[in-house]
Amino acid sequence: MQERQGLGRPAVTIGGEVERIDGRALSYDEFVERYLKPNRPVVLTGLMDDWRAAADWLAPDGGGPNLHFFADHFGKSVVQVADCSTREFTDQKRQEMTVAEFISYWLKLSLEKRSVLCSDESKPLLYLKDWHFNKEYPDYVAYTAPPFFTDDWLNLYLDSHLIHRDSDIHRDKNEANCADYRFVYMGPKGTWTPLHADVFRSYSWSGNVCGRKHWFFLPPSQCHLVFDKYLRSSVYSIYDDVSEKKFPGFRKTIWLECIQEQNEIVFVPSGWYHQVHNLEDTISINHNWFNAYNLSWVWNLLLRDYKVAKEYIEDIRDICDNFEGLCQRNLAANTGMNFYDFMIFITRFTLSNIVQLFHLRHEEGSLNSLATRSNLFITNLISKIIHEQEFQDLSRALRMAYECINTTKLKEGSQTVSDSAFFDFVTSLGSKIHGPEDLVGLIDRVLEKTDNSNRNINNPCDAEPFVV
């Protein structure tokens, strides 16, 4: 591995820099057209000024992280810490410790660096990763996700439901460590994250509360070049002396890069492999999420990983009582969800979006404005589940997310998710869903009814009832 301080330049070809833009001058629709749909990275500025974290988490002199604040207020939290100096399989070796223990390590490291004696390069270089801070301290409200990232199906779902239906796979529902994909990362200068693509091939965003990061991005069209010829193992670090024999395509890769400054947010699109280095002591807030625009990436990953899981146990097919069930269990354990989990997830979100359409039909002129909101209410892809409190919570959360994205708020006094008419409406829909084909047919029928209502909106008395 390269020396910690001053890594220099990796031996890869840099083809350009990631675009940087003032997020305050960008509408949601513009963000969709310029970055979500084309799946392009971008650095966004001007979106973190009112975050509580941007004040509390900085040292009084503004020169770095306020480490004592974390030790005093969150010191008892147990977190995952990666040793950036030690590789373990495809990631860095990890251990658990309290935040107070990690801060004590960091303060000692900082003191060593300021002393006349050089710090011992053989000592571990630790990086706190994947801290579920938002779930563990919901009342603190360290930040507010910018509207560009509010249509977050993954975390809205996990706030109300388990991702796995199999009790042998998921952990306790109330355990923060498996509750969401909202994280805090914090580490001293020189800490880093190896080359990877994000979980579920989700989008991610990362906001620097303090410090600077150096990002390297590889477009999805070139990602096969970082794998061996069997497409099983990938390059660990672009700073390594990568074997041309093992990874024959690596030298052909062309990368984008950017330096992320304090109070800037990096948007990472689906399927882009990336490697990140902290150029200074850094704290960042990170989310993984997906929605209708990148749902195909999630499904394609499930298909690919299912084939791998199936091939791995093919030799026991004849002696296995439930071979397909075992494949699905392995898929959930390795990837984070399986086909059944995915179907339940999409069904819930389909009907939750239909809830939003149901409410809109009662608002004068609202269906006429769907042209600018269709990407949220129509392209977004239930039945006993509509009576669950968790589903009602999901519907409310989705409604609030859409209101945050759109400047036009839904009218006060519109029907709520507890209305009996609503339940009759959704029950009639959900009872027809038995598989993917039923789900697609349901969406088509709902859109057809929506079009009919839209044509008759100027004369509501003549509108066809909104049922299927």
Protein backbone atom coordinates (compact mmCIF):
# COMPACT_ATOMS: atom_id res chain seq x y z
CA MET A 1 0.00 0.00 0.00
CA GLN A 2 1.13 3.56 -0.68
CA GLU A 3 2.38 5.79 2.12
CA ARG A 4 -0.52 7.28 4.04
CA GLN A 5 0.30 10.93 3.67
CA GLY A 6 0.68 12.30 0.15
CA LEU A 7 -0.41 9.36 -1.96
CA GLY A 8 0.45 11.13 -5.19
CA ARG A 9 -1.36 10.22 -8.39
CA PRO A 10 -2.62 6.70 -9.18
CA ALA A 11 -1.41 5.06 -12.37
CA VAL A 12 -4.74 5.49 -14.19
CA THR A 13 -5.93 7.76 -16.98
CA ILE A 14 -8.04 10.72 -15.82
CA GLY A 15 -10.42 11.78 -18.57
CA GLY A 16 -12.00 14.79 -16.89
CA GLU A 17 -13.52 16.31 -13.76
CA VAL A 18 -16.98 15.80 -12.31
CA GLU A 19 -19.26 18.77 -13.00
CA ARG A 20 -19.78 21.21 -10.11
CA ILE A 21 -22.98 23.27 -9.84
CA ASP A 22 -24.79 25.49 -7.33
CA GLY A 23 -27.65 23.31 -6.08
CA ARG A 24 -29.72 26.36 -5.15
CA ALA A 25 -30.03 27.28 -8.83
CA LEU A 26 -31.23 23.80 -9.81
CA SER A 27 -34.85 22.59 -9.83
CA TYR A 28 -35.80 19.00 -9.15
CA ASP A 29 -36.91 18.49 -12.75
CA GLU A 30 -33.57 19.85 -13.97
CA PHE A 31 -31.71 17.51 -11.62
CA VAL A 32 -33.70 14.58 -13.00
CA GLU A 33 -33.03 15.46 -16.64
CA ARG A 34 -29.34 16.31 -16.21
CA TYR A 35 -28.21 13.72 -13.65
CA LEU A 36 -30.77 11.10 -12.55
CA LYS A 37 -31.94 10.00 -16.00
CA PRO A 38 -28.50 10.05 -17.70
CA ASN A 39 -26.96 8.55 -14.52
CA ARG A 40 -24.20 11.16 -14.24
CA PRO A 41 -22.25 12.26 -11.14
CA VAL A 42 -22.25 15.86 -9.98
CA VAL A 43 -20.91 17.99 -7.13
CA LEU A 44 -23.60 20.22 -5.59
CA THR A 45 -22.83 23.35 -3.59
CA GLY A 46 -24.92 25.62 -1.39
CA LEU A 47 -27.20 22.96 0.14
CA MET A 48 -25.72 22.45 3.61
CA ASP A 49 -25.63 25.94 5.10
CA ASP A 50 -28.59 25.42 7.47
CA TRP A 51 -27.57 21.98 8.75
CA ARG A 52 -27.19 21.70 12.51
CA ALA A 53 -24.23 19.39 11.92
CA ALA A 54 -22.46 22.16 10.00
CA ALA A 55 -22.32 24.12 13.26
CA ASP A 56 -22.17 21.58 16.10
CA TRP A 57 -19.69 19.22 14.48
CA LEU A 58 -17.03 21.83 13.68
CA ALA A 59 -14.33 22.92 16.12
CA PRO A 60 -14.86 26.45 17.52
CA ASP A 61 -11.93 27.72 15.45
CA GLY A 62 -13.46 26.17 12.31
CA GLY A 63 -10.28 24.26 11.64
CA GLY A 64 -11.60 20.73 11.77
CA PRO A 65 -14.00 18.36 13.50
CA ASN A 66 -15.21 19.01 17.03
CA LEU A 67 -14.13 15.61 18.35
CA HIS A 68 -14.90 16.39 21.99
CA PHE A 69 -18.52 17.17 21.04
CA PHE A 70 -18.94 13.63 19.68
CA ALA A 71 -17.32 12.05 22.73
CA ASP A 72 -19.49 14.09 25.10
CA HIS A 73 -22.85 13.65 23.32
CA PHE A 74 -22.64 10.34 21.45
CA GLY A 75 -19.72 8.57 23.12
CA LYS A 76 -21.65 5.45 24.16
CA SER A 77 -22.70 4.52 20.62
CA VAL A 78 -21.16 1.31 19.31
CA VAL A 79 -19.90 1.72 15.74
CA GLN A 80 -18.05 -0.09 12.95
CA VAL A 81 -14.47 1.05 12.44
CA ALA A 82 -12.38 0.06 9.42
CA ASP A 83 -8.60 -0.37 9.55
CA CYS A 84 -7.50 1.31 6.33
CA SER A 85 -4.08 -0.35 6.63
CA THR A 86 -5.39 -3.93 6.59
CA ARG A 87 -7.28 -5.68 3.81
CA GLU A 88 -9.77 -8.42 4.66
CA PHE A 89 -11.19 -10.20 1.60
CA THR A 90 -12.66 -7.43 -0.62
CA ASP A 91 -12.87 -4.77 2.11
CA GLN A 92 -10.90 -3.33 4.98
CA LYS A 93 -10.73 -5.21 8.26
CA ARG A 94 -13.39 -4.00 10.66
CA GLN A 95 -13.90 -3.93 14.40
CA GLU A 96 -16.45 -2.56 16.84
CA MET A 97 -15.75 0.12 19.37
CA THR A 98 -17.59 2.96 21.08
CA VAL A 99 -17.51 6.45 19.63
CA ALA A 100 -15.66 7.57 22.76
CA GLU A 101 -12.95 4.96 22.14
CA PHE A 102 -12.64 6.01 18.51
CA ILE A 103 -12.38 9.71 19.44
CA SER A 104 -9.69 8.86 22.00
CA TYR A 105 -7.72 7.09 19.26
CA TRP A 106 -8.17 10.04 16.87
CA LEU A 107 -7.05 12.64 19.43
CA LYS A 108 -3.96 10.59 20.25
CA LEU A 109 -3.15 10.23 16.54
CA SER A 110 -3.50 13.99 16.03
CA LEU A 111 -1.19 14.66 18.97
CA GLU A 112 1.44 12.32 17.51
CA LYS A 113 1.30 14.06 14.14
CA ARG A 114 1.88 17.44 15.77
CA SER A 115 4.85 16.18 17.78
CA VAL A 116 8.44 16.30 16.56
CA LEU A 117 8.37 12.52 16.30
CA CYS A 118 6.84 11.10 13.15
CA SER A 119 3.82 8.89 13.74
CA ASP A 120 4.39 5.16 13.42
CA GLU A 121 3.17 4.17 9.94
CA SER A 122 2.72 0.57 11.13
CA LYS A 123 -0.08 1.59 13.49
CA PRO A 124 -3.70 1.07 12.34
CA LEU A 125 -5.32 3.96 10.49
CA LEU A 126 -8.95 3.79 11.60
CA TYR A 127 -12.04 5.10 9.80
CA LEU A 128 -15.51 5.14 11.39
CA LYS A 129 -17.98 3.95 8.72
CA ASP A 130 -21.67 3.19 8.34
CA TRP A 131 -22.80 4.79 11.60
CA HIS A 132 -26.63 4.77 11.59
CA PHE A 133 -26.64 8.14 13.32
CA ASN A 134 -30.01 9.33 12.00
CA LYS A 135 -31.79 6.22 13.27
CA GLU A 136 -29.97 6.20 16.60
CA TYR A 137 -30.52 9.91 17.34
CA PRO A 138 -33.74 10.88 15.51
CA ASP A 139 -34.47 13.84 17.79
CA TYR A 140 -31.12 15.49 17.15
CA VAL A 141 -31.93 16.34 13.46
CA ALA A 142 -28.35 16.87 12.33
CA TYR A 143 -29.38 17.67 8.74
CA THR A 144 -32.21 17.74 6.23
CA ALA A 145 -31.80 15.79 3.00
CA PRO A 146 -31.97 18.14 -0.02
CA PRO A 147 -35.14 17.77 -2.14
CA PHE A 148 -33.12 16.13 -4.96
CA PHE A 149 -32.67 13.07 -2.74
CA THR A 150 -36.03 12.99 -0.97
CA ASP A 151 -37.70 10.49 -3.32
CA ASP A 152 -35.90 7.77 -1.41
CA TRP A 153 -37.80 4.49 -1.66
CA LEU A 154 -35.20 2.47 0.24
CA ASN A 155 -35.08 4.45 3.48
CA LEU A 156 -38.76 5.42 3.47
CA TYR A 157 -39.56 1.71 3.25
CA LEU A 158 -37.10 0.70 5.98
CA ASP A 159 -38.57 3.29 8.33
CA SER A 160 -41.77 1.20 8.37
CA HIS A 161 -40.89 -2.33 7.19
CA LEU A 162 -38.26 -5.02 7.35
CA ILE A 163 -36.43 -5.61 4.08
CA HIS A 164 -36.54 -9.39 4.69
CA ARG A 165 -39.64 -11.45 5.46
CA ASP A 166 -37.54 -14.40 6.65
CA SER A 167 -37.01 -14.12 10.41
CA ASP A 168 -33.87 -16.24 10.17
CA ILE A 169 -32.23 -13.64 7.92
CA HIS A 170 -33.23 -10.24 9.30
CA ARG A 171 -32.27 -8.97 12.71
CA ASP A 172 -34.52 -7.45 15.31
CA LYS A 173 -36.70 -4.75 13.76
CA ASN A 174 -35.69 -2.15 16.32
CA GLU A 175 -31.95 -2.69 16.05
CA ALA A 176 -30.38 0.47 14.63
CA ASN A 177 -27.58 -1.42 12.90
CA CYS A 178 -29.90 -2.89 10.26
CA ALA A 179 -32.51 -0.16 10.15
CA ASP A 180 -31.60 2.08 7.21
CA TYR A 181 -28.98 3.24 4.71
CA ARG A 182 -28.31 6.68 6.19
CA PHE A 183 -24.79 6.91 7.55
CA VAL A 184 -22.18 9.13 9.16
CA TYR A 185 -18.51 8.61 8.20
CA MET A 186 -15.65 10.22 10.08
CA GLY A 187 -11.92 9.71 9.97
CA PRO A 188 -8.50 11.36 10.10
CA LYS A 189 -6.47 12.50 7.13
CA GLY A 190 -5.32 9.54 5.05
CA THR A 191 -8.32 7.28 5.68
CA TRP A 192 -9.97 5.94 2.55
CA THR A 193 -12.52 3.59 1.00
CA PRO A 194 -11.46 0.90 -1.52
CA LEU A 195 -12.81 0.67 -5.06
CA HIS A 196 -16.46 -0.42 -5.05
CA ALA A 197 -19.96 0.10 -6.44
CA ASP A 198 -22.69 0.87 -3.92
CA VAL A 199 -25.04 -1.61 -2.26
CA PHE A 200 -28.02 -2.69 -4.41
CA ARG A 201 -26.41 -0.55 -7.16
CA SER A 202 -28.26 2.29 -5.49
CA TYR A 203 -27.65 5.98 -5.89
CA SER A 204 -25.74 7.62 -3.08
CA TRP A 205 -25.04 11.15 -1.91
CA SER A 206 -22.29 12.27 0.42
CA GLY A 207 -22.14 15.68 2.12
CA ASN A 208 -18.86 16.89 3.65
CA VAL A 209 -19.53 18.54 7.00
CA CYS A 210 -15.81 19.21 7.31
CA GLY A 211 -12.64 18.23 5.50
CA ARG A 212 -11.89 17.41 1.85
CA LYS A 213 -12.18 14.19 -0.16
CA HIS A 214 -10.59 13.03 -3.40
CA TRP A 215 -13.01 10.97 -5.53
CA PHE A 216 -12.26 8.74 -8.51
CA PHE A 217 -15.18 7.56 -10.69
CA LEU A 218 -15.38 4.88 -13.38
CA PRO A 219 -18.42 4.87 -15.72
CA PRO A 220 -20.55 1.67 -15.75
CA SER A 221 -19.65 1.05 -19.40
CA GLN A 222 -16.05 0.41 -18.29
CA CYS A 223 -16.61 -1.38 -15.00
CA HIS A 224 -15.95 -4.82 -16.47
CA LEU A 225 -12.36 -3.66 -16.97
CA VAL A 226 -11.65 -3.67 -13.22
CA PHE A 227 -12.57 -7.38 -12.98
CA ASP A 228 -10.59 -10.50 -13.75
CA LYS A 229 -11.48 -12.56 -16.83
CA TYR A 230 -13.96 -14.63 -14.78
CA LEU A 231 -15.74 -11.47 -13.54
CA ARG A 232 -15.37 -12.72 -9.97
CA SER A 233 -12.74 -10.52 -8.28
CA SER A 234 -12.12 -6.81 -8.83
CA VAL A 235 -9.27 -4.37 -8.26
CA TYR A 236 -8.99 -3.40 -4.58
CA SER A 237 -7.27 -0.03 -4.98
CA ILE A 238 -6.31 2.04 -8.00
CA TYR A 239 -3.12 2.99 -6.13
CA ASP A 240 -1.95 -0.63 -6.05
CA ASP A 241 0.47 -2.15 -8.51
CA VAL A 242 -2.39 -3.86 -10.35
CA SER A 243 -1.43 -7.10 -12.10
CA GLU A 244 -1.93 -6.74 -15.84
CA LYS A 245 -2.07 -10.53 -16.11
CA LYS A 246 -4.90 -10.86 -13.58
CA PHE A 247 -6.75 -7.68 -14.64
CA PRO A 248 -5.90 -7.33 -18.35
CA GLY A 249 -8.39 -4.53 -19.01
CA PHE A 250 -7.49 -2.24 -16.11
CA ARG A 251 -4.98 -0.09 -18.03
CA LYS A 252 -7.71 0.78 -20.54
CA THR A 253 -9.93 2.49 -17.95
CA ILE A 254 -10.61 6.23 -18.16
CA TRP A 255 -11.71 7.92 -14.94
CA LEU A 256 -13.40 11.10 -13.72
CA GLU A 257 -12.21 12.75 -10.54
CA CYS A 258 -13.13 15.59 -8.19
CA ILE A 259 -11.97 17.22 -4.99
CA GLN A 260 -14.96 17.58 -2.66
CA GLU A 261 -14.67 20.58 -0.37
CA GLN A 262 -16.40 21.30 2.93
CA ASN A 263 -20.17 21.93 2.58
CA GLU A 264 -20.31 20.22 -0.82
CA ILE A 265 -22.42 17.18 -1.74
CA VAL A 266 -21.33 14.53 -4.23
CA PHE A 267 -24.05 12.62 -6.10
CA VAL A 268 -22.92 9.09 -7.04
CA PRO A 269 -25.04 7.48 -9.79
CA SER A 270 -25.90 3.78 -10.00
CA GLY A 271 -23.22 1.32 -11.04
CA TRP A 272 -20.29 3.76 -11.01
CA TYR A 273 -17.27 2.20 -9.33
CA HIS A 274 -15.51 4.75 -7.13
CA GLN A 275 -12.65 5.10 -4.66
CA VAL A 276 -12.46 7.89 -2.08
CA HIS A 277 -9.58 9.34 -0.02
CA ASN A 278 -9.78 11.81 2.86
CA LEU A 279 -7.28 14.61 2.23
CA GLU A 280 -7.98 16.12 5.66
CA ASP A 281 -9.72 15.12 8.88
CA THR A 282 -13.21 14.59 7.55
CA ILE A 283 -16.82 14.04 8.64
CA SER A 284 -19.47 13.25 6.05
CA ILE A 285 -23.15 12.34 5.92
CA ASN A 286 -24.05 9.66 3.36
CA HIS A 287 -27.26 8.12 2.05
CA ASN A 288 -27.89 5.20 -0.29
CA TRP A 289 -31.25 5.20 -2.03
CA PHE A 290 -33.16 4.15 -5.12
CA ASN A 291 -36.45 4.99 -6.83
CA ALA A 292 -38.09 4.51 -10.22
CA TYR A 293 -35.15 5.98 -12.12
CA ASN A 294 -32.62 3.36 -11.05
CA LEU A 295 -34.87 0.46 -10.05
CA SER A 296 -33.68 -1.53 -13.08
CA TRP A 297 -30.15 -1.44 -11.65
CA VAL A 298 -31.41 -3.10 -8.45
CA TRP A 299 -33.30 -5.79 -10.36
CA ASN A 300 -30.39 -6.52 -12.70
CA LEU A 301 -28.07 -6.93 -9.70
CA LEU A 302 -30.54 -9.36 -8.12
CA LEU A 303 -30.67 -11.38 -11.35
CA ARG A 304 -26.89 -11.50 -11.63
CA ASP A 305 -26.33 -12.44 -8.00
CA TYR A 306 -29.12 -15.04 -8.18
CA LYS A 307 -27.34 -16.80 -11.03
CA VAL A 308 -24.11 -16.80 -9.02
CA ALA A 309 -25.86 -18.15 -5.92
CA LYS A 310 -27.58 -20.82 -7.98
CA GLU A 311 -24.39 -21.94 -9.70
CA TYR A 312 -22.57 -22.11 -6.37
CA ILE A 313 -24.89 -24.81 -4.96
CA GLU A 314 -25.87 -26.52 -8.23
CA ASP A 315 -24.13 -29.75 -7.16
CA ILE A 316 -26.61 -30.30 -4.30
CA ARG A 317 -29.78 -29.70 -6.33
CA ASP A 318 -30.73 -33.38 -6.46
CA ILE A 319 -30.47 -33.86 -2.70
CA CYS A 320 -32.05 -30.55 -1.69
CA ASP A 321 -35.72 -30.57 -0.66
CA ASN A 322 -36.19 -26.91 -1.55
CA PHE A 323 -33.41 -25.91 -3.92
CA GLU A 324 -35.07 -22.67 -5.06
CA GLY A 325 -35.79 -21.66 -1.48
CA LEU A 326 -32.13 -22.17 -0.59
CA CYS A 327 -31.10 -20.05 -3.59
CA GLN A 328 -33.36 -17.25 -2.40
CA ARG A 329 -32.04 -17.47 1.17
CA ASN A 330 -28.46 -17.26 -0.09
CA LEU A 331 -29.39 -14.35 -2.36
CA ALA A 332 -30.88 -12.43 0.58
CA ALA A 333 -27.86 -13.15 2.76
CA ASN A 334 -25.32 -12.10 0.10
CA THR A 335 -27.08 -9.22 -1.66
CA GLY A 336 -29.41 -7.82 0.99
CA MET A 337 -32.73 -8.93 -0.51
CA ASN A 338 -34.14 -11.69 -2.70
CA PHE A 339 -36.86 -11.95 -5.36
CA TYR A 340 -39.62 -12.29 -2.77
CA ASP A 341 -38.40 -9.28 -0.78
CA PHE A 342 -38.21 -7.25 -3.99
CA MET A 343 -41.76 -8.18 -5.04
CA ILE A 344 -43.20 -7.23 -1.64
CA PHE A 345 -41.24 -3.98 -1.71
CA ILE A 346 -42.49 -2.99 -5.17
CA THR A 347 -46.07 -3.97 -4.40
CA ARG A 348 -46.15 -1.76 -1.33
CA PHE A 349 -44.68 1.16 -3.23
CA THR A 350 -47.06 0.67 -6.15
CA LEU A 351 -50.08 0.95 -3.95
CA SER A 352 -48.56 3.74 -1.89
CA ASN A 353 -48.15 5.77 -5.08
CA ILE A 354 -51.71 4.92 -6.06
CA VAL A 355 -52.72 6.44 -2.72
CA GLN A 356 -51.17 9.69 -3.90
CA LEU A 357 -53.11 9.54 -7.17
CA PHE A 358 -56.29 8.89 -5.20
CA HIS A 359 -55.73 12.05 -3.18
CA LEU A 360 -54.87 14.12 -6.23
CA ARG A 361 -58.19 13.45 -7.95
CA HIS A 362 -59.94 15.44 -5.20
CA GLU A 363 -57.88 18.55 -5.78
CA GLU A 364 -59.07 21.06 -8.34
CA GLY A 365 -56.67 21.28 -11.23
CA SER A 366 -54.15 18.93 -9.65
CA LEU A 367 -54.39 16.29 -12.35
CA ASN A 368 -53.76 18.96 -14.96
CA SER A 369 -50.43 19.65 -13.27
CA LEU A 370 -49.34 16.03 -13.45
CA ALA A 371 -47.16 16.77 -16.47
CA THR A 372 -44.48 18.16 -14.17
CA ARG A 373 -45.14 15.65 -11.40
CA SER A 374 -45.58 12.49 -13.43
CA ASN A 375 -42.04 11.37 -12.77
CA LEU A 376 -43.04 11.03 -9.12
CA PHE A 377 -46.67 9.92 -9.22
CA ILE A 378 -46.91 7.83 -12.37
CA THR A 379 -43.50 6.35 -13.18
CA ASN A 380 -43.26 5.14 -9.55
CA LEU A 381 -44.23 1.67 -9.47
CA ILE A 382 -50.98 -4.88 -1.43
CA SER A 383 -54.47 -7.43 -0.09
CA LYS A 384 -54.06 -7.33 3.57
CA ILE A 385 -51.06 -5.06 3.86
CA ILE A 386 -53.02 -1.83 3.26
CA HIS A 387 -54.51 -2.21 6.74
CA GLU A 388 -51.10 -2.40 8.40
CA GLN A 389 -49.99 0.61 10.41
CA GLU A 390 -46.60 0.27 8.73
CA PHE A 391 -48.16 0.71 5.28
CA GLN A 392 -50.06 3.77 6.42
CA ASP A 393 -46.78 5.18 7.75
CA LEU A 394 -45.13 4.48 4.40
CA SER A 395 -47.92 6.27 2.52
CA ARG A 396 -47.66 9.31 4.75
CA ALA A 397 -43.87 9.40 4.41
CA LEU A 398 -44.12 9.16 0.63
CA ARG A 399 -46.66 11.98 0.53
CA MET A 400 -44.39 14.18 2.65
CA ALA A 401 -41.45 13.39 0.37
CA TYR A 402 -43.39 14.45 -2.71
CA GLU A 403 -44.54 17.63 -1.01
CA CYS A 404 -40.92 18.44 -0.17
CA ILE A 405 -39.88 17.98 -3.79
CA ASN A 406 -42.72 20.03 -5.27
CA THR A 407 -43.28 23.69 -4.51
CA THR A 408 -47.07 23.30 -4.77
CA LYS A 409 -48.37 21.76 -1.57
CA LEU A 410 -51.39 19.48 -1.47
CA LYS A 411 -54.46 21.31 -0.22
CA GLU A 412 -55.34 21.17 3.44
CA GLY A 413 -58.42 19.16 4.24
CA SER A 414 -57.86 16.55 1.54
CA GLN A 415 -58.74 13.02 2.47
CA THR A 416 -56.33 11.14 4.71
CA VAL A 417 -55.11 7.59 4.53
CA SER A 418 -57.55 6.60 7.26
CA ASP A 419 -60.69 7.39 5.25
CA SER A 420 -62.96 4.41 4.78
CA ALA A 421 -63.43 5.37 1.13
CA PHE A 422 -59.70 5.19 0.68
CA PHE A 423 -59.51 1.73 2.21
CA ASP A 424 -62.32 0.48 0.00
CA PHE A 425 -60.51 1.94 -2.99
CA VAL A 426 -57.11 0.44 -2.20
CA THR A 427 -58.54 -2.91 -1.08
CA SER A 428 -60.23 -3.28 -4.45
CA LEU A 429 -56.84 -2.73 -6.06
CA GLY A 430 -54.64 -4.76 -3.78
CA SER A 431 -56.82 -7.87 -3.90
CA LYS A 432 -55.98 -8.21 -7.60
CA ILE A 433 -52.20 -8.48 -7.11
CA HIS A 434 -50.82 -12.02 -7.19
CA GLY A 435 -47.62 -11.54 -9.16
CA PRO A 436 -45.60 -9.19 -11.38
CA GLU A 437 -48.04 -9.45 -14.30
CA ASP A 438 -50.96 -8.42 -12.07
CA LEU A 439 -48.92 -5.48 -10.81
CA VAL A 440 -48.21 -4.22 -14.33
CA GLY A 441 -51.86 -4.64 -15.33
CA LEU A 442 -52.96 -2.76 -12.22
CA ILE A 443 -50.70 0.18 -13.02
CA ASP A 444 -52.04 0.31 -16.58
CA ARG A 445 -55.65 0.36 -15.36
CA VAL A 446 -54.94 3.08 -12.80
CA LEU A 447 -53.27 5.26 -15.40
CA GLU A 448 -56.18 4.73 -17.79
CA LYS A 449 -58.62 5.85 -15.09
CA THR A 450 -56.39 8.80 -14.27
CA ASP A 451 -56.43 9.87 -17.91
CA ASN A 452 -60.23 9.65 -17.94
CA SER A 453 -60.42 11.78 -14.80
CA ASN A 454 -58.01 14.27 -16.30
CA ARG A 455 -60.14 14.67 -19.42
CA ASN A 456 -63.19 15.37 -17.28
CA ILE A 457 -61.56 17.49 -14.59
CA ASN A 458 -63.27 20.67 -15.78
CA ASN A 459 -66.62 18.99 -15.20
CA PRO A 460 -66.15 16.80 -12.13
CA CYS A 461 -69.74 15.63 -12.14
CA ASP A 462 -69.12 13.85 -15.44
CA ALA A 463 -65.87 12.19 -14.33
CA GLU A 464 -65.80 8.42 -14.30
CA PRO A 465 -65.47 6.93 -10.79
CA PHE A 466 -61.87 6.19 -9.90
CA VAL A 467 -62.10 2.43 -9.40
CA VAL A 468 -60.71 -0.67 -11.11
